[in-house]
């Protein structure tokens, strides 16, 4: 049922008519996120400028039983910010202020609409470092990063978004404001509610303020690129690097298909006559960086690297990292529909998983480019397809199922950083198990008894009829 005119009138009174979109032309950009082949028109889009706006909208929506889907820049890759039919999209991109950079306590406080790159740049201005770096960091927002528990290229050494969230301000579905966390390095008082909301994909509350941990900026770094004629040799190099007790800042790989697409797109001089490329970066004390770079180069050569190239300066290192970040964009130029997935396995199973993805591609006659975070076992098999070809899309779905089943069988997970959303909803029970699903459903029902927040995402919950 479309949103009633009386509801729209109330929204106009709450946030101003200029902050409410209702025409079809205005709503189209909010009908999808970064996930291919998924789209759904919302009933309206509401822009919040403050916590008070969020409180008012949620209090009203909860009272009226109107579904609300929170959105940032819409870069998600699992359909997490995909609208539900006739919902309100609550867009937080205008809540984009950095509220404080506290160099004494190594923290930064920001509103949810601040981009990830703006967080990193604000930290760098005072000689500090915010490590999480999702591939979409130039446009993704910190609220979305927290809601999805985003990863990135530096995850091997520095961890993911969860490792840097010290506190959150969250508006609950009924409009109540909750603050959890503080600037203390140690705090074990009560349940860790902060961790409950990180990665909750907008199903438990709306994040309106984030307190982040920062680190001292590394004094030096060095970037290397190694090419291999066999993927197994690249995987063995990764295993040998970790066995040598070296934890690089970045340890990324691209397969032949991805390398060719990236080089054609970015033109940074990547060799296209190889089966795999490893992008390796070490950072820290200058002496340690020099030693680790030398060791990594030796290990790559010992495993038969065709070439090992050391970036000559910061500019070249930045270009190489940017080329890796462009992998998705580069692959997206090849086919009408590009479906970027992620599955994670223990590092010891990485080579086996890569071979399995290749076998699945041949079995279902699909074109797949694979890249990812080889250091932490996170693969991104990327399907180059056409959503208008229904027979091929059915084969894509069957391939997904086999890949996720194999990841679980090898002791891995169905998502390392993209989340569940709608894209992986059907696979979650097989991974999580009956007890975990029950607990998650009960938690969600307690915090959102009317089921208004991001309905249909992650898993279905029957609303509490007495709420």
Protein backbone atom coordinates (compact mmCIF):
# COMPACT_ATOMS: atom_id res chain seq x y z
CA UNK A 1 0.00 0.00 0.00
CA UNK A 2 1.48 3.43 -0.95
CA UNK A 3 2.32 5.82 1.86
CA UNK A 4 -0.76 7.84 2.78
CA UNK A 5 -0.88 11.58 2.17
CA UNK A 6 -1.52 12.10 5.88
CA UNK A 7 1.73 10.28 6.66
CA UNK A 8 3.63 12.41 4.13
CA UNK A 9 2.15 15.55 5.66
CA UNK A 10 3.45 14.51 9.08
CA UNK A 11 6.90 13.83 7.61
CA UNK A 12 6.95 17.25 5.94
CA UNK A 13 6.12 18.84 9.29
CA UNK A 14 8.89 16.85 11.03
CA UNK A 15 11.85 17.36 8.70
CA UNK A 16 10.70 19.92 6.13
CA UNK A 17 9.22 19.24 2.70
CA UNK A 18 12.64 19.73 1.06
CA UNK A 19 13.85 16.63 2.93
CA UNK A 20 11.09 14.29 1.72
CA UNK A 21 11.19 12.71 -1.75
CA UNK A 22 8.09 11.08 -3.23
CA UNK A 23 8.14 11.42 -7.01
CA UNK A 24 9.12 8.35 -9.02
CA UNK A 25 12.02 10.14 -10.70
CA UNK A 26 13.45 11.18 -7.32
CA UNK A 27 13.00 7.71 -5.81
CA UNK A 28 14.71 5.70 -8.55
CA UNK A 29 18.29 6.25 -7.24
CA UNK A 30 17.18 4.88 -3.87
CA UNK A 31 15.58 1.74 -5.33
CA UNK A 32 18.85 -0.23 -5.30
CA UNK A 33 22.27 -0.39 -3.71
CA UNK A 34 25.56 -1.81 -5.03
CA UNK A 35 24.11 -5.32 -5.30
CA UNK A 36 23.47 -6.43 -8.87
CA UNK A 37 20.03 -7.56 -10.08
CA UNK A 38 18.15 -6.34 -6.98
CA UNK A 39 15.80 -3.35 -7.02
CA UNK A 40 12.64 -2.23 -5.23
CA UNK A 41 10.98 1.20 -5.20
CA UNK A 42 10.48 2.74 -1.73
CA UNK A 43 7.40 4.67 -0.71
CA UNK A 44 9.37 7.79 0.19
CA UNK A 45 12.86 8.97 1.09
CA UNK A 46 13.44 11.08 4.21
CA UNK A 47 16.72 12.92 4.83
CA UNK A 48 17.74 13.32 8.47
CA UNK A 49 20.02 16.19 9.48
CA UNK A 50 20.24 15.41 13.19
CA UNK A 51 19.66 12.81 15.87
CA UNK A 52 16.40 14.60 16.68
CA UNK A 53 15.18 14.04 13.11
CA UNK A 54 15.94 10.32 13.42
CA UNK A 55 14.14 10.14 16.77
CA UNK A 56 11.05 11.87 15.38
CA UNK A 57 10.86 9.72 12.25
CA UNK A 58 11.36 6.43 14.10
CA UNK A 59 8.92 7.31 16.85
CA UNK A 60 6.28 8.15 14.25
CA UNK A 61 7.02 5.13 12.02
CA UNK A 62 6.92 2.77 14.98
CA UNK A 63 3.57 4.13 16.14
CA UNK A 64 2.13 3.80 12.63
CA UNK A 65 3.79 0.44 11.83
CA UNK A 66 5.62 1.85 8.79
CA UNK A 67 8.76 -0.05 7.71
CA UNK A 68 12.01 1.95 7.74
CA UNK A 69 15.20 1.13 5.83
CA UNK A 70 18.28 3.14 6.80
CA UNK A 71 20.65 4.14 4.02
CA UNK A 72 24.00 5.86 3.58
CA UNK A 73 25.71 6.02 0.19
CA UNK A 74 24.17 2.75 -0.99
CA UNK A 75 27.46 0.97 -1.73
CA UNK A 76 26.47 -2.28 0.02
CA UNK A 77 26.90 -5.56 -1.85
CA UNK A 78 24.31 -7.81 -0.19
CA UNK A 79 21.10 -5.80 -0.61
CA UNK A 80 21.23 -4.58 2.98
CA UNK A 81 19.92 -1.11 2.10
CA UNK A 82 17.51 -2.33 -0.57
CA UNK A 83 14.09 -0.82 0.18
CA UNK A 84 11.21 -3.01 1.22
CA UNK A 85 7.91 -2.34 -0.60
CA UNK A 86 6.41 1.08 0.27
CA UNK A 87 8.91 1.67 3.06
CA UNK A 88 10.46 4.89 4.26
CA UNK A 89 14.12 5.12 3.29
CA UNK A 90 15.81 7.05 6.10
CA UNK A 91 18.91 8.52 4.46
CA UNK A 92 21.68 9.75 6.77
CA UNK A 93 24.18 11.19 4.26
CA UNK A 94 23.41 14.75 5.40
CA UNK A 95 24.53 13.89 8.93
CA UNK A 96 28.11 14.32 7.78
CA UNK A 97 30.02 16.16 10.50
CA UNK A 98 33.23 15.07 12.19
CA UNK A 99 32.44 16.14 15.73
CA UNK A 100 35.83 15.68 17.41
CA UNK A 101 39.36 14.49 16.81
CA UNK A 102 40.88 13.76 20.22
CA UNK A 103 44.60 13.26 19.65
CA UNK A 104 45.24 12.86 23.38
CA UNK A 105 42.98 9.80 23.57
CA UNK A 106 43.53 8.63 19.97
CA UNK A 107 39.81 8.85 19.12
CA UNK A 108 37.53 10.46 16.56
CA UNK A 109 33.80 11.08 16.86
CA UNK A 110 31.65 11.41 13.76
CA UNK A 111 28.09 11.41 12.52
CA UNK A 112 27.06 8.41 10.39
CA UNK A 113 27.11 10.19 7.01
CA UNK A 114 30.83 11.00 7.07
CA UNK A 115 32.67 9.14 4.31
CA UNK A 116 35.36 6.64 5.24
CA UNK A 117 38.00 8.61 3.32
CA UNK A 118 37.07 11.78 5.26
CA UNK A 119 37.63 9.85 8.53
CA UNK A 120 41.06 8.70 7.31
CA UNK A 121 42.03 12.19 6.15
CA UNK A 122 40.94 13.83 9.41
CA UNK A 123 43.05 11.34 11.36
CA UNK A 124 46.05 11.86 9.06
CA UNK A 125 45.97 15.63 9.60
CA UNK A 126 47.00 15.08 13.23
CA UNK A 127 49.48 12.30 12.47
CA UNK A 128 47.06 9.47 13.27
CA UNK A 129 45.74 6.52 11.28
CA UNK A 130 42.30 4.96 10.73
CA UNK A 131 43.08 1.52 9.23
CA UNK A 132 39.77 0.08 7.91
CA UNK A 133 39.71 0.68 4.15
CA UNK A 134 36.82 -0.92 2.25
CA UNK A 135 37.15 -0.77 -1.51
CA UNK A 136 34.35 1.82 -1.58
CA UNK A 137 36.04 4.04 1.03
CA UNK A 138 35.86 7.18 -1.12
CA UNK A 139 32.06 7.12 -1.02
CA UNK A 140 30.94 4.66 1.67
CA UNK A 141 29.85 6.19 4.99
CA UNK A 142 31.06 5.31 8.45
CA UNK A 143 27.52 4.50 9.61
CA UNK A 144 27.22 1.96 6.81
CA UNK A 145 30.69 0.59 7.60
CA UNK A 146 29.63 -0.02 11.19
CA UNK A 147 26.23 -1.47 10.25
CA UNK A 148 27.92 -3.92 7.84
CA UNK A 149 31.12 -4.39 9.89
CA UNK A 150 33.16 -3.60 6.78
CA UNK A 151 36.62 -4.97 6.09
CA UNK A 152 39.18 -3.88 3.55
CA UNK A 153 42.66 -4.36 2.18
CA UNK A 154 44.40 -3.78 5.52
CA UNK A 155 42.27 -6.29 7.43
CA UNK A 156 45.03 -8.90 7.77
CA UNK A 157 47.21 -6.75 10.02
CA UNK A 158 44.77 -4.21 11.40
CA UNK A 159 41.43 -5.97 11.59
CA UNK A 160 37.99 -4.75 10.52
CA UNK A 161 35.59 -1.98 11.52
CA UNK A 162 34.56 -3.74 14.75
CA UNK A 163 38.12 -3.44 16.05
CA UNK A 164 37.94 0.37 15.91
CA UNK A 165 34.49 1.16 17.29
CA UNK A 166 34.71 2.34 20.91
CA UNK A 167 31.23 3.77 21.26
CA UNK A 168 27.92 4.18 19.47
CA UNK A 169 24.87 6.36 19.77
CA UNK A 170 21.89 4.36 18.50
CA UNK A 171 18.23 5.32 18.15
CA UNK A 172 16.03 2.31 18.88
CA UNK A 173 12.90 1.60 16.81
CA UNK A 174 10.62 3.36 19.30
CA UNK A 175 12.75 6.52 19.25
CA UNK A 176 14.65 5.92 22.49
CA UNK A 177 18.32 6.96 22.33
CA UNK A 178 20.95 4.54 23.59
CA UNK A 179 24.68 5.28 24.08
CA UNK A 180 27.07 2.40 24.52
CA UNK A 181 30.84 2.61 24.98
CA UNK A 182 33.34 5.33 25.88
CA UNK A 183 36.96 6.44 25.36
CA UNK A 184 38.33 4.00 27.91
CA UNK A 185 40.75 1.40 26.57
CA UNK A 186 39.35 -1.08 29.11
CA UNK A 187 35.65 -1.41 29.88
CA UNK A 188 34.00 -4.72 30.82
CA UNK A 189 30.90 -3.38 32.57
CA UNK A 190 27.86 -5.38 31.52
CA UNK A 191 27.03 -6.84 28.13
CA UNK A 192 28.90 -5.41 25.14
CA UNK A 193 25.86 -3.79 23.53
CA UNK A 194 28.17 -1.91 21.18
CA UNK A 195 29.16 -5.20 19.55
CA UNK A 196 25.51 -6.17 19.18
CA UNK A 197 24.83 -3.24 16.86
CA UNK A 198 28.05 -3.56 14.83
CA UNK A 199 27.21 -5.69 11.80
CA UNK A 200 23.48 -5.71 12.59
CA UNK A 201 22.70 -4.31 9.11
CA UNK A 202 20.20 -1.73 10.33
CA UNK A 203 17.88 -4.31 11.87
CA UNK A 204 18.22 -3.35 15.55
CA UNK A 205 18.61 0.44 15.61
CA UNK A 206 19.80 3.48 13.67
CA UNK A 207 23.36 4.62 14.32
CA UNK A 208 23.60 8.41 14.78
CA UNK A 209 27.10 8.85 16.25
CA UNK A 210 30.28 6.78 16.17
CA UNK A 211 33.32 6.95 18.46
CA UNK A 212 36.36 5.46 16.71
CA UNK A 213 39.78 4.32 17.88
CA UNK A 214 42.77 5.71 15.97
CA UNK A 215 46.37 4.55 15.80
CA UNK A 216 49.71 6.32 15.41
CA UNK A 217 50.55 6.64 11.73
CA UNK A 218 53.15 4.05 10.59
CA UNK A 219 56.54 5.65 10.05
CA UNK A 220 57.28 3.81 6.80
CA UNK A 221 55.79 1.40 4.29
CA UNK A 222 56.87 -0.51 1.21
CA UNK A 223 54.76 -2.02 -1.58
CA UNK A 224 55.67 -5.02 -3.75
CA UNK A 225 53.95 -6.75 -6.66
CA UNK A 226 54.74 -10.38 -7.48
CA UNK A 227 53.47 -12.30 -10.51
CA UNK A 228 53.05 -16.08 -10.78
CA UNK A 229 52.28 -18.56 -13.53
CA UNK A 230 50.26 -20.70 -11.10
CA UNK A 231 47.73 -19.66 -8.48
CA UNK A 232 49.01 -22.38 -6.12
CA UNK A 233 52.44 -20.75 -6.08
CA UNK A 234 50.90 -17.44 -5.06
CA UNK A 235 48.91 -19.17 -2.32
CA UNK A 236 52.02 -20.98 -1.07
CA UNK A 237 53.86 -17.66 -0.93
CA UNK A 238 51.14 -16.30 1.32
CA UNK A 239 51.41 -19.34 3.59
CA UNK A 240 55.18 -18.99 3.74
CA UNK A 241 54.95 -15.28 4.60
CA UNK A 242 52.63 -15.98 7.53
CA UNK A 243 54.76 -18.97 8.63
CA UNK A 244 57.76 -16.61 8.70
CA UNK A 245 55.84 -14.58 11.30
CA UNK A 246 55.40 -11.65 8.94
CA UNK A 247 52.00 -9.97 9.08
CA UNK A 248 51.86 -7.59 6.12
CA UNK A 249 49.61 -4.58 6.09
CA UNK A 250 48.20 -5.79 2.76
CA UNK A 251 48.35 -9.19 1.06
CA UNK A 252 46.01 -9.12 -1.94
CA UNK A 253 45.65 -11.25 -5.04
CA UNK A 254 44.07 -11.00 -8.48
CA UNK A 255 43.54 -13.84 -10.93
CA UNK A 256 44.24 -13.69 -14.68
CA UNK A 257 40.78 -12.41 -15.64
CA UNK A 258 40.86 -9.68 -13.00
CA UNK A 259 44.44 -8.63 -13.80
CA UNK A 260 43.61 -8.12 -17.46
CA UNK A 261 40.50 -6.11 -16.66
CA UNK A 262 42.31 -3.97 -14.08
CA UNK A 263 45.25 -3.24 -16.37
CA UNK A 264 42.95 -2.32 -19.22
CA UNK A 265 41.06 -0.01 -16.84
CA UNK A 266 43.85 1.49 -14.69
CA UNK A 267 46.95 1.07 -16.90
CA UNK A 268 49.47 0.81 -14.05
CA UNK A 269 51.78 -1.65 -15.77
CA UNK A 270 50.47 -4.94 -14.37
CA UNK A 271 51.66 -7.94 -16.41
CA UNK A 272 48.80 -9.67 -18.21
CA UNK A 273 50.65 -12.89 -19.09
CA UNK A 274 50.35 -14.44 -15.61
CA UNK A 275 47.87 -16.53 -13.66
CA UNK A 276 48.05 -14.55 -10.41
CA UNK A 277 49.32 -11.27 -9.00
CA UNK A 278 50.13 -10.68 -5.33
CA UNK A 279 50.06 -7.13 -3.99
CA UNK A 280 52.08 -7.04 -0.75
CA UNK A 281 52.58 -4.08 1.55
CA UNK A 282 54.46 -3.86 4.84
CA UNK A 283 54.40 -0.87 7.19
CA UNK A 284 55.85 0.13 10.56
CA UNK A 285 59.35 1.05 11.73
CA UNK A 286 61.63 1.73 8.72
CA UNK A 287 64.12 -0.99 9.66
CA UNK A 288 61.38 -3.58 10.13
CA UNK A 289 59.73 -2.54 6.86
CA UNK A 290 62.98 -2.96 4.93
CA UNK A 291 63.62 -6.38 6.47
CA UNK A 292 60.08 -7.66 5.90
CA UNK A 293 60.05 -6.44 2.29
CA UNK A 294 63.30 -8.27 1.61
CA UNK A 295 61.94 -11.45 3.19
CA UNK A 296 58.68 -11.31 1.24
CA UNK A 297 60.52 -10.79 -2.02
CA UNK A 298 62.77 -13.78 -1.27
CA UNK A 299 59.80 -16.00 -0.40
CA UNK A 300 57.98 -15.02 -3.59
CA UNK A 301 61.03 -15.81 -5.70
CA UNK A 302 61.54 -19.11 -3.85
CA UNK A 303 57.99 -20.06 -4.92
CA UNK A 304 58.72 -19.37 -8.56
CA UNK A 305 57.53 -15.78 -8.96
CA UNK A 306 57.94 -14.67 -12.56
CA UNK A 307 58.73 -11.15 -11.38
CA UNK A 308 58.82 -9.17 -8.13
CA UNK A 309 58.53 -5.42 -8.47
CA UNK A 310 59.08 -2.96 -5.64
CA UNK A 311 57.23 0.35 -5.87
CA UNK A 312 59.87 3.03 -6.30
CA UNK A 313 58.00 5.73 -4.35
CA UNK A 314 54.79 6.61 -2.54
CA UNK A 315 53.09 7.69 -5.76
CA UNK A 316 53.62 4.31 -7.42
CA UNK A 317 52.52 2.48 -4.27
CA UNK A 318 49.34 4.54 -4.22
CA UNK A 319 48.67 3.77 -7.89
CA UNK A 320 49.10 0.04 -7.30
CA UNK A 321 46.75 0.07 -4.30
CA UNK A 322 44.23 2.14 -6.28
CA UNK A 323 44.42 -0.39 -9.10
CA UNK A 324 43.52 -3.19 -6.68
CA UNK A 325 40.64 -1.12 -5.32
CA UNK A 326 39.38 -0.68 -8.87
CA UNK A 327 39.01 -4.44 -9.45
CA UNK A 328 35.23 -4.39 -9.11
CA UNK A 329 34.86 -1.36 -11.38
CA UNK A 330 37.22 -2.87 -13.93
CA UNK A 331 35.34 -6.18 -14.04
CA UNK A 332 32.02 -4.33 -14.26
CA UNK A 333 33.02 -3.02 -17.69
CA UNK A 334 33.09 -6.55 -19.15
CA UNK A 335 29.46 -7.65 -18.84
CA UNK A 336 26.05 -6.01 -18.33
CA UNK A 337 25.71 -7.51 -14.82
CA UNK A 338 28.56 -7.91 -12.36
CA UNK A 339 27.84 -9.84 -9.17
CA UNK A 340 30.60 -9.44 -6.59
CA UNK A 341 30.45 -12.09 -3.89
CA UNK A 342 32.57 -12.90 -0.89
CA UNK A 343 33.35 -16.10 0.95
CA UNK A 344 36.08 -16.68 3.49
CA UNK A 345 38.00 -19.84 4.33
CA UNK A 346 40.95 -20.59 6.62
CA UNK A 347 44.18 -19.52 4.91
CA UNK A 348 45.31 -23.13 4.72
CA UNK A 349 42.30 -23.89 2.47
CA UNK A 350 42.65 -20.89 0.20
CA UNK A 351 44.31 -22.60 -2.78
CA UNK A 352 41.75 -25.40 -2.63
CA UNK A 353 38.89 -22.88 -2.57
CA UNK A 354 40.28 -20.95 -5.52
CA UNK A 355 40.53 -24.16 -7.54
CA UNK A 356 36.96 -25.04 -6.55
CA UNK A 357 35.65 -21.67 -7.80
CA UNK A 358 37.39 -22.32 -11.12
CA UNK A 359 35.80 -25.78 -11.33
CA UNK A 360 32.36 -24.31 -10.62
CA UNK A 361 32.84 -21.72 -13.35
CA UNK A 362 33.61 -24.44 -15.88
CA UNK A 363 30.78 -26.69 -14.64
CA UNK A 364 28.13 -24.02 -15.10
CA UNK A 365 29.74 -22.35 -18.13
CA UNK A 366 30.16 -19.03 -16.35
CA UNK A 367 32.81 -16.34 -16.48
CA UNK A 368 34.20 -15.60 -13.03
CA UNK A 369 37.02 -13.25 -12.08
CA UNK A 370 38.41 -13.90 -8.62
CA UNK A 371 40.35 -11.49 -6.41
CA UNK A 372 40.47 -10.76 -2.73
CA UNK A 373 42.31 -10.59 0.54
CA UNK A 374 44.56 -13.63 0.31
CA UNK A 375 46.17 -12.88 3.67
CA UNK A 376 42.91 -13.40 5.55
CA UNK A 377 41.32 -16.00 3.29
CA UNK A 378 38.61 -13.69 1.96
CA UNK A 379 37.76 -14.38 -1.70
CA UNK A 380 35.67 -12.27 -4.05
CA UNK A 381 34.48 -14.50 -6.90
CA UNK A 382 32.92 -12.02 -9.32
CA UNK A 383 30.37 -13.28 -11.82
CA UNK A 384 30.36 -11.52 -15.19
CA UNK A 385 26.86 -12.18 -16.47
CA UNK A 386 23.63 -10.63 -17.75
CA UNK A 387 20.56 -10.50 -15.53
CA UNK A 388 18.36 -10.47 -18.66
CA UNK A 389 19.56 -13.99 -19.44
CA UNK A 390 17.32 -15.93 -17.07
CA UNK A 391 18.84 -19.33 -17.84
CA UNK A 392 22.33 -18.04 -17.08
CA UNK A 393 21.15 -16.37 -13.87
CA UNK A 394 19.76 -19.71 -12.71
CA UNK A 395 23.21 -21.22 -13.26
CA UNK A 396 24.76 -18.31 -11.35
CA UNK A 397 22.52 -19.07 -8.37
CA UNK A 398 23.44 -22.75 -8.45
CA UNK A 399 27.12 -21.79 -8.58
CA UNK A 400 26.67 -19.51 -5.57
CA UNK A 401 25.16 -22.33 -3.57
CA UNK A 402 28.04 -24.68 -4.36
CA UNK A 403 30.64 -22.04 -3.50
CA UNK A 404 29.02 -21.20 -0.16
CA UNK A 405 28.50 -24.86 0.71
CA UNK A 406 32.16 -25.57 -0.02
CA UNK A 407 33.29 -22.58 2.07
CA UNK A 408 31.31 -23.91 5.04
CA UNK A 409 32.65 -27.43 4.48
CA UNK A 410 36.21 -26.09 4.61
CA UNK A 411 35.55 -24.35 7.94
CA UNK A 412 34.83 -20.95 6.43
CA UNK A 413 31.93 -18.54 6.27
CA UNK A 414 29.45 -17.33 3.66
CA UNK A 415 30.54 -13.69 4.05
CA UNK A 416 33.74 -12.12 5.27
CA UNK A 417 32.75 -8.48 4.89
CA UNK A 418 29.69 -7.87 2.69
CA UNK A 419 27.01 -9.03 5.12
CA UNK A 420 23.85 -11.09 4.65
CA UNK A 421 21.17 -8.60 3.56
CA UNK A 422 18.84 -10.27 1.08
CA UNK A 423 21.47 -11.72 -1.21
CA UNK A 424 22.63 -14.37 1.30
CA UNK A 425 19.55 -14.65 3.46
CA UNK A 426 18.73 -18.19 2.30
CA UNK A 427 22.25 -19.40 3.10
CA UNK A 428 22.45 -18.09 6.68
CA UNK A 429 20.55 -20.91 8.45
CA UNK A 430 22.85 -23.53 6.92
CA UNK A 431 25.86 -21.66 8.25
CA UNK A 432 24.62 -20.39 11.62
CA UNK A 433 22.62 -23.40 12.83
CA UNK A 434 19.28 -23.66 14.59
CA UNK A 435 20.32 -22.37 18.02
CA UNK A 436 22.06 -19.26 16.67
CA UNK A 437 19.12 -18.44 14.41
CA UNK A 438 16.72 -18.72 17.35
CA UNK A 439 18.81 -16.40 19.53
CA UNK A 440 19.18 -13.83 16.73
CA UNK A 441 15.43 -13.85 16.05
CA UNK A 442 14.62 -13.41 19.74
CA UNK A 443 17.10 -10.53 20.12
CA UNK A 444 15.62 -8.79 17.12
CA UNK A 445 12.07 -9.29 18.34
CA UNK A 446 12.94 -7.80 21.75
CA UNK A 447 14.57 -4.66 20.30
CA UNK A 448 12.12 -4.20 17.42
CA UNK A 449 8.86 -5.89 18.48
CA UNK A 450 6.85 -4.36 15.62
CA UNK A 451 9.44 -5.39 13.06
CA UNK A 452 9.73 -1.99 11.37
CA UNK A 453 13.52 -1.84 10.89
CA UNK A 454 14.89 -3.24 7.63
CA UNK A 455 12.25 -5.97 7.39
CA UNK A 456 13.16 -9.05 5.39
CA UNK A 457 16.90 -8.57 5.76
CA UNK A 458 19.23 -11.23 7.21
CA UNK A 459 16.27 -13.40 8.28
CA UNK A 460 12.53 -13.12 8.75
CA UNK A 461 10.95 -12.44 12.13
CA UNK A 462 7.27 -12.59 12.98
CA UNK A 463 6.41 -9.31 14.80
CA UNK A 464 5.19 -9.54 18.37
CA UNK A 465 1.37 -9.23 18.05
CA UNK A 466 1.09 -7.61 21.50
CA UNK A 467 3.67 -4.87 20.72
